[in-house]
């Protein structure tokens, strides 16, 4: 499954004007990086992946429809998967894009 172009376009609109923003194909989708740090990505499996503060990821997984991204059967703290149905509106998508962007901006720039 290819990533959802409409979701990618929605992310682009929300991040318009964000300094030091780049896009890169990864994880079977399209990642949006701030100063070289991934903030959010469209997923080739549908929905999005969001990078959040690992200290907040347990709470977010418990209180929202997000779940931990899994890699080789292991939950990745700080990385959340949000299904397509939960980012279907601009408001829903903006919540996650804001969280991911805020965390990416808090990290040292990668060059």
N, C-alpha and C. Protein backbone atom coordinates (compact mmCIF):
# COMPACT_ATOMS: atom_id res chain seq x y z
N UNK A 1 0.84 -1.18 0.00
CA UNK A 1 0.00 0.00 0.00
C UNK A 1 0.89 1.25 0.00
N UNK A 2 0.61 2.16 -0.87
CA UNK A 2 1.34 3.43 -0.91
C UNK A 2 0.77 4.36 0.15
N UNK A 3 1.57 5.32 0.55
CA UNK A 3 1.07 6.28 1.54
C UNK A 3 0.00 7.16 0.92
N UNK A 4 -0.81 7.76 1.78
CA UNK A 4 -1.94 8.58 1.37
C UNK A 4 -1.46 9.98 0.99
N UNK A 5 -1.57 10.30 -0.29
CA UNK A 5 -1.13 11.62 -0.80
C UNK A 5 -1.93 12.76 -0.19
N UNK A 6 -3.21 12.53 0.10
CA UNK A 6 -4.04 13.58 0.71
C UNK A 6 -3.53 13.92 2.12
N UNK A 7 -3.16 12.89 2.87
CA UNK A 7 -2.61 13.13 4.21
C UNK A 7 -1.27 13.87 4.09
N UNK A 8 -0.44 13.46 3.13
CA UNK A 8 0.84 14.14 2.92
C UNK A 8 0.61 15.61 2.59
N UNK A 9 -0.36 15.89 1.75
CA UNK A 9 -0.65 17.28 1.39
C UNK A 9 -1.18 18.06 2.61
N UNK A 10 -1.98 17.41 3.42
CA UNK A 10 -2.46 18.05 4.65
C UNK A 10 -1.31 18.40 5.58
N UNK A 11 -0.34 17.51 5.69
CA UNK A 11 0.84 17.78 6.53
C UNK A 11 1.62 18.95 5.95
N UNK A 12 1.81 18.95 4.63
CA UNK A 12 2.51 20.07 3.98
C UNK A 12 1.85 21.41 4.29
N UNK A 13 0.53 21.43 4.20
CA UNK A 13 -0.20 22.67 4.49
C UNK A 13 0.01 23.11 5.93
N UNK A 14 -0.04 22.16 6.86
CA UNK A 14 0.13 22.49 8.27
C UNK A 14 1.55 22.95 8.58
N UNK A 15 2.52 22.46 7.82
CA UNK A 15 3.92 22.81 8.07
C UNK A 15 4.43 23.92 7.16
N UNK A 16 3.56 24.51 6.37
CA UNK A 16 3.97 25.61 5.48
C UNK A 16 4.64 26.70 6.32
N UNK A 17 5.81 27.11 5.89
CA UNK A 17 6.54 28.16 6.61
C UNK A 17 7.42 27.64 7.74
N UNK A 18 7.36 26.36 8.02
CA UNK A 18 8.21 25.79 9.08
C UNK A 18 9.67 25.86 8.63
N UNK A 19 10.53 26.51 9.41
CA UNK A 19 11.93 26.62 8.99
C UNK A 19 12.63 25.25 9.00
N UNK A 20 13.55 25.09 8.06
CA UNK A 20 14.40 23.90 7.98
C UNK A 20 13.60 22.60 7.85
N UNK A 21 12.54 22.64 7.04
CA UNK A 21 11.70 21.47 6.81
C UNK A 21 12.17 20.74 5.56
N UNK A 22 12.27 19.42 5.66
CA UNK A 22 12.58 18.59 4.50
C UNK A 22 11.63 17.40 4.47
N UNK A 23 11.49 16.83 3.29
CA UNK A 23 10.69 15.62 3.11
C UNK A 23 11.63 14.53 2.62
N UNK A 24 11.40 13.33 3.11
CA UNK A 24 12.24 12.20 2.69
C UNK A 24 11.40 10.94 2.71
N UNK A 25 11.53 10.14 1.65
CA UNK A 25 10.83 8.86 1.62
C UNK A 25 11.53 7.92 2.59
N UNK A 26 10.74 7.36 3.50
CA UNK A 26 11.25 6.37 4.46
C UNK A 26 10.08 5.64 5.11
N UNK A 27 10.34 4.50 5.69
CA UNK A 27 9.31 3.68 6.33
C UNK A 27 8.17 3.33 5.37
N UNK A 28 8.43 3.29 4.09
CA UNK A 28 7.39 3.00 3.12
C UNK A 28 6.42 4.15 2.94
N UNK A 29 6.79 5.31 3.44
CA UNK A 29 5.94 6.49 3.35
C UNK A 29 6.77 7.72 3.08
N UNK A 30 6.27 8.85 3.53
CA UNK A 30 6.95 10.12 3.33
C UNK A 30 7.11 10.79 4.68
N UNK A 31 8.37 11.01 5.09
CA UNK A 31 8.67 11.62 6.38
C UNK A 31 8.89 13.11 6.22
N UNK A 32 8.46 13.84 7.23
CA UNK A 32 8.67 15.28 7.31
C UNK A 32 9.63 15.53 8.46
N UNK A 33 10.78 16.13 8.12
CA UNK A 33 11.83 16.34 9.10
C UNK A 33 12.01 17.82 9.37
N UNK A 34 12.23 18.14 10.63
CA UNK A 34 12.51 19.51 11.06
C UNK A 34 13.94 19.51 11.57
N UNK A 35 14.79 20.30 10.93
CA UNK A 35 16.22 20.36 11.27
C UNK A 35 16.84 18.96 11.27
N UNK A 36 16.38 18.12 10.35
CA UNK A 36 16.94 16.78 10.19
C UNK A 36 16.33 15.73 11.10
N UNK A 37 15.42 16.11 11.98
CA UNK A 37 14.77 15.17 12.90
C UNK A 37 13.35 14.88 12.44
N UNK A 38 13.01 13.60 12.35
CA UNK A 38 11.67 13.26 11.89
C UNK A 38 10.64 13.75 12.89
N UNK A 39 9.60 14.40 12.38
CA UNK A 39 8.49 14.88 13.20
C UNK A 39 7.27 13.99 13.00
N UNK A 40 6.94 13.75 11.74
CA UNK A 40 5.75 12.98 11.38
C UNK A 40 5.97 12.38 10.01
N UNK A 41 5.31 11.25 9.75
CA UNK A 41 5.44 10.62 8.44
C UNK A 41 4.12 9.98 8.05
N UNK A 42 3.80 10.05 6.77
CA UNK A 42 2.71 9.25 6.26
C UNK A 42 3.22 7.82 6.21
N UNK A 43 2.35 6.88 6.45
CA UNK A 43 2.78 5.49 6.50
C UNK A 43 2.30 4.72 5.28
N UNK A 44 3.14 3.86 4.77
CA UNK A 44 2.75 2.99 3.68
C UNK A 44 1.69 1.99 4.11
N UNK A 45 1.47 1.85 5.42
CA UNK A 45 0.44 0.96 5.96
C UNK A 45 -0.84 1.73 6.26
N UNK A 46 -0.88 3.00 5.89
CA UNK A 46 -2.02 3.85 6.19
C UNK A 46 -1.78 4.64 7.46
N UNK A 47 -2.44 5.76 7.58
CA UNK A 47 -2.28 6.60 8.77
C UNK A 47 -0.92 7.29 8.79
N UNK A 48 -0.51 7.64 9.99
CA UNK A 48 0.75 8.36 10.16
C UNK A 48 1.58 7.77 11.30
N UNK A 49 2.86 8.09 11.26
CA UNK A 49 3.77 7.83 12.36
C UNK A 49 4.15 9.19 12.93
N UNK A 50 4.17 9.28 14.25
CA UNK A 50 4.48 10.54 14.91
C UNK A 50 5.59 10.31 15.92
N UNK A 51 6.57 11.19 15.88
CA UNK A 51 7.65 11.13 16.87
C UNK A 51 7.28 12.07 18.01
N UNK A 52 7.23 11.54 19.22
CA UNK A 52 6.86 12.32 20.40
C UNK A 52 7.90 12.12 21.48
N UNK A 53 7.83 12.97 22.48
CA UNK A 53 8.71 12.83 23.65
C UNK A 53 8.46 11.45 24.26
N UNK A 54 9.49 10.62 24.40
CA UNK A 54 9.29 9.29 24.98
C UNK A 54 8.64 9.34 26.36
N UNK A 55 8.87 10.41 27.11
CA UNK A 55 8.26 10.54 28.43
C UNK A 55 6.75 10.73 28.34
N UNK A 56 6.24 11.17 27.19
CA UNK A 56 4.81 11.39 26.99
C UNK A 56 4.14 10.24 26.25
N UNK A 57 4.92 9.33 25.69
CA UNK A 57 4.33 8.33 24.79
C UNK A 57 3.40 7.36 25.51
N UNK A 58 3.70 6.96 26.74
CA UNK A 58 2.79 6.06 27.47
C UNK A 58 1.44 6.73 27.67
N UNK A 59 1.46 7.98 28.12
CA UNK A 59 0.22 8.71 28.37
C UNK A 59 -0.58 8.87 27.08
N UNK A 60 0.08 9.22 26.00
CA UNK A 60 -0.61 9.39 24.72
C UNK A 60 -1.21 8.08 24.22
N UNK A 61 -0.49 6.99 24.40
CA UNK A 61 -1.01 5.68 23.97
C UNK A 61 -2.21 5.26 24.83
N UNK A 62 -2.24 5.69 26.08
CA UNK A 62 -3.34 5.32 26.97
C UNK A 62 -4.57 6.21 26.79
N UNK A 63 -4.38 7.46 26.39
CA UNK A 63 -5.48 8.43 26.39
C UNK A 63 -5.98 8.81 25.00
N UNK A 64 -5.37 8.27 23.95
CA UNK A 64 -5.79 8.56 22.58
C UNK A 64 -5.93 7.25 21.82
N UNK A 65 -6.26 7.35 20.55
CA UNK A 65 -6.35 6.15 19.71
C UNK A 65 -5.00 5.75 19.13
N UNK A 66 -3.94 6.47 19.48
CA UNK A 66 -2.60 6.12 18.99
C UNK A 66 -2.11 4.86 19.69
N UNK A 67 -1.22 4.16 19.01
CA UNK A 67 -0.57 3.01 19.64
C UNK A 67 0.92 3.08 19.31
N UNK A 68 1.70 2.35 20.06
CA UNK A 68 3.14 2.36 19.82
C UNK A 68 3.46 1.76 18.46
N UNK A 69 4.40 2.38 17.78
CA UNK A 69 4.94 1.78 16.58
C UNK A 69 5.72 0.55 17.03
N UNK A 70 5.61 -0.52 16.28
CA UNK A 70 6.36 -1.73 16.61
C UNK A 70 7.40 -2.01 15.56
N UNK A 71 8.57 -2.40 16.04
CA UNK A 71 9.65 -2.79 15.14
C UNK A 71 10.18 -4.13 15.64
N UNK A 72 10.10 -5.12 14.78
CA UNK A 72 10.50 -6.49 15.13
C UNK A 72 9.78 -6.97 16.39
N UNK A 73 8.49 -6.63 16.50
CA UNK A 73 7.68 -7.08 17.62
C UNK A 73 7.88 -6.31 18.91
N UNK A 74 8.67 -5.25 18.86
CA UNK A 74 8.98 -4.48 20.06
C UNK A 74 8.36 -3.08 19.96
N UNK A 75 7.65 -2.67 21.02
CA UNK A 75 7.05 -1.32 21.06
C UNK A 75 8.16 -0.28 21.13
N UNK A 76 8.06 0.73 20.30
CA UNK A 76 9.07 1.79 20.24
C UNK A 76 8.53 3.03 20.97
N UNK A 77 8.99 3.24 22.19
CA UNK A 77 8.57 4.42 22.95
C UNK A 77 9.07 5.67 22.23
N UNK A 78 8.20 6.65 22.15
CA UNK A 78 8.54 7.88 21.44
C UNK A 78 8.09 7.88 19.99
N UNK A 79 7.56 6.75 19.52
CA UNK A 79 7.07 6.64 18.15
C UNK A 79 5.66 6.07 18.20
N UNK A 80 4.70 6.82 17.68
CA UNK A 80 3.31 6.39 17.73
C UNK A 80 2.74 6.23 16.33
N UNK A 81 1.85 5.27 16.19
CA UNK A 81 1.12 5.05 14.94
C UNK A 81 -0.31 5.52 15.17
N UNK A 82 -0.80 6.33 14.25
CA UNK A 82 -2.17 6.84 14.32
C UNK A 82 -2.87 6.41 13.03
N UNK A 83 -3.98 5.73 13.16
CA UNK A 83 -4.71 5.20 12.01
C UNK A 83 -5.33 6.30 11.16
N UNK A 84 -5.58 5.98 9.91
CA UNK A 84 -6.17 6.94 8.95
C UNK A 84 -7.47 7.55 9.46
N UNK A 85 -8.32 6.74 10.06
CA UNK A 85 -9.61 7.25 10.54
C UNK A 85 -9.45 8.31 11.63
N UNK A 86 -8.28 8.34 12.28
CA UNK A 86 -8.04 9.29 13.36
C UNK A 86 -7.29 10.54 12.92
N UNK A 87 -7.03 10.65 11.61
CA UNK A 87 -6.42 11.87 11.05
C UNK A 87 -7.19 12.31 9.82
N UNK A 88 -8.48 12.00 9.80
CA UNK A 88 -9.32 12.29 8.65
C UNK A 88 -9.71 13.75 8.50
N UNK A 89 -9.62 14.51 9.59
CA UNK A 89 -9.93 15.94 9.50
C UNK A 89 -8.66 16.74 9.73
N UNK A 90 -8.68 17.98 9.28
CA UNK A 90 -7.52 18.85 9.46
C UNK A 90 -7.22 19.04 10.96
N UNK A 91 -8.26 19.15 11.75
CA UNK A 91 -8.07 19.32 13.20
C UNK A 91 -7.40 18.10 13.82
N UNK A 92 -7.87 16.90 13.44
CA UNK A 92 -7.26 15.68 13.97
C UNK A 92 -5.80 15.59 13.55
N UNK A 93 -5.53 15.85 12.29
CA UNK A 93 -4.17 15.77 11.78
C UNK A 93 -3.29 16.82 12.45
N UNK A 94 -3.81 18.03 12.63
CA UNK A 94 -3.02 19.12 13.22
C UNK A 94 -2.53 18.77 14.62
N UNK A 95 -3.35 18.08 15.39
CA UNK A 95 -2.96 17.69 16.75
C UNK A 95 -1.65 16.90 16.71
N UNK A 96 -1.59 15.92 15.83
CA UNK A 96 -0.43 15.04 15.78
C UNK A 96 0.77 15.72 15.12
N UNK A 97 0.52 16.50 14.10
CA UNK A 97 1.61 17.23 13.45
C UNK A 97 2.25 18.21 14.44
N UNK A 98 1.43 18.87 15.24
CA UNK A 98 1.94 19.80 16.25
C UNK A 98 2.80 19.07 17.28
N UNK A 99 2.33 17.93 17.78
CA UNK A 99 3.11 17.16 18.75
C UNK A 99 4.45 16.72 18.17
N UNK A 100 4.41 16.18 16.96
CA UNK A 100 5.64 15.71 16.34
C UNK A 100 6.61 16.83 16.04
N UNK A 101 6.10 17.93 15.56
CA UNK A 101 6.96 19.07 15.22
C UNK A 101 7.58 19.67 16.48
N UNK A 102 6.78 19.79 17.52
CA UNK A 102 7.30 20.33 18.79
C UNK A 102 8.46 19.48 19.30
N UNK A 103 8.30 18.17 19.26
CA UNK A 103 9.37 17.31 19.75
C UNK A 103 10.60 17.38 18.84
N UNK A 104 10.39 17.34 17.54
CA UNK A 104 11.52 17.41 16.60
C UNK A 104 12.31 18.70 16.80
N UNK A 105 11.60 19.81 17.05
CA UNK A 105 12.29 21.10 17.28
C UNK A 105 13.09 21.09 18.57
N UNK A 106 12.72 20.26 19.54
CA UNK A 106 13.41 20.23 20.83
C UNK A 106 14.75 19.48 20.76
N UNK A 107 14.96 18.76 19.68
CA UNK A 107 16.18 17.95 19.52
C UNK A 107 17.28 18.77 18.85
N UNK A 108 18.54 18.41 19.10
CA UNK A 108 19.62 19.10 18.38
C UNK A 108 19.50 18.87 16.88
N UNK A 109 19.77 19.89 16.08
CA UNK A 109 19.71 19.73 14.63
C UNK A 109 20.68 18.66 14.14
N UNK A 110 20.26 17.91 13.12
CA UNK A 110 21.14 16.92 12.46
C UNK A 110 21.63 17.52 11.17
N UNK A 111 22.83 17.32 10.84
CA UNK A 111 23.38 17.82 9.58
C UNK A 111 24.02 16.72 8.82
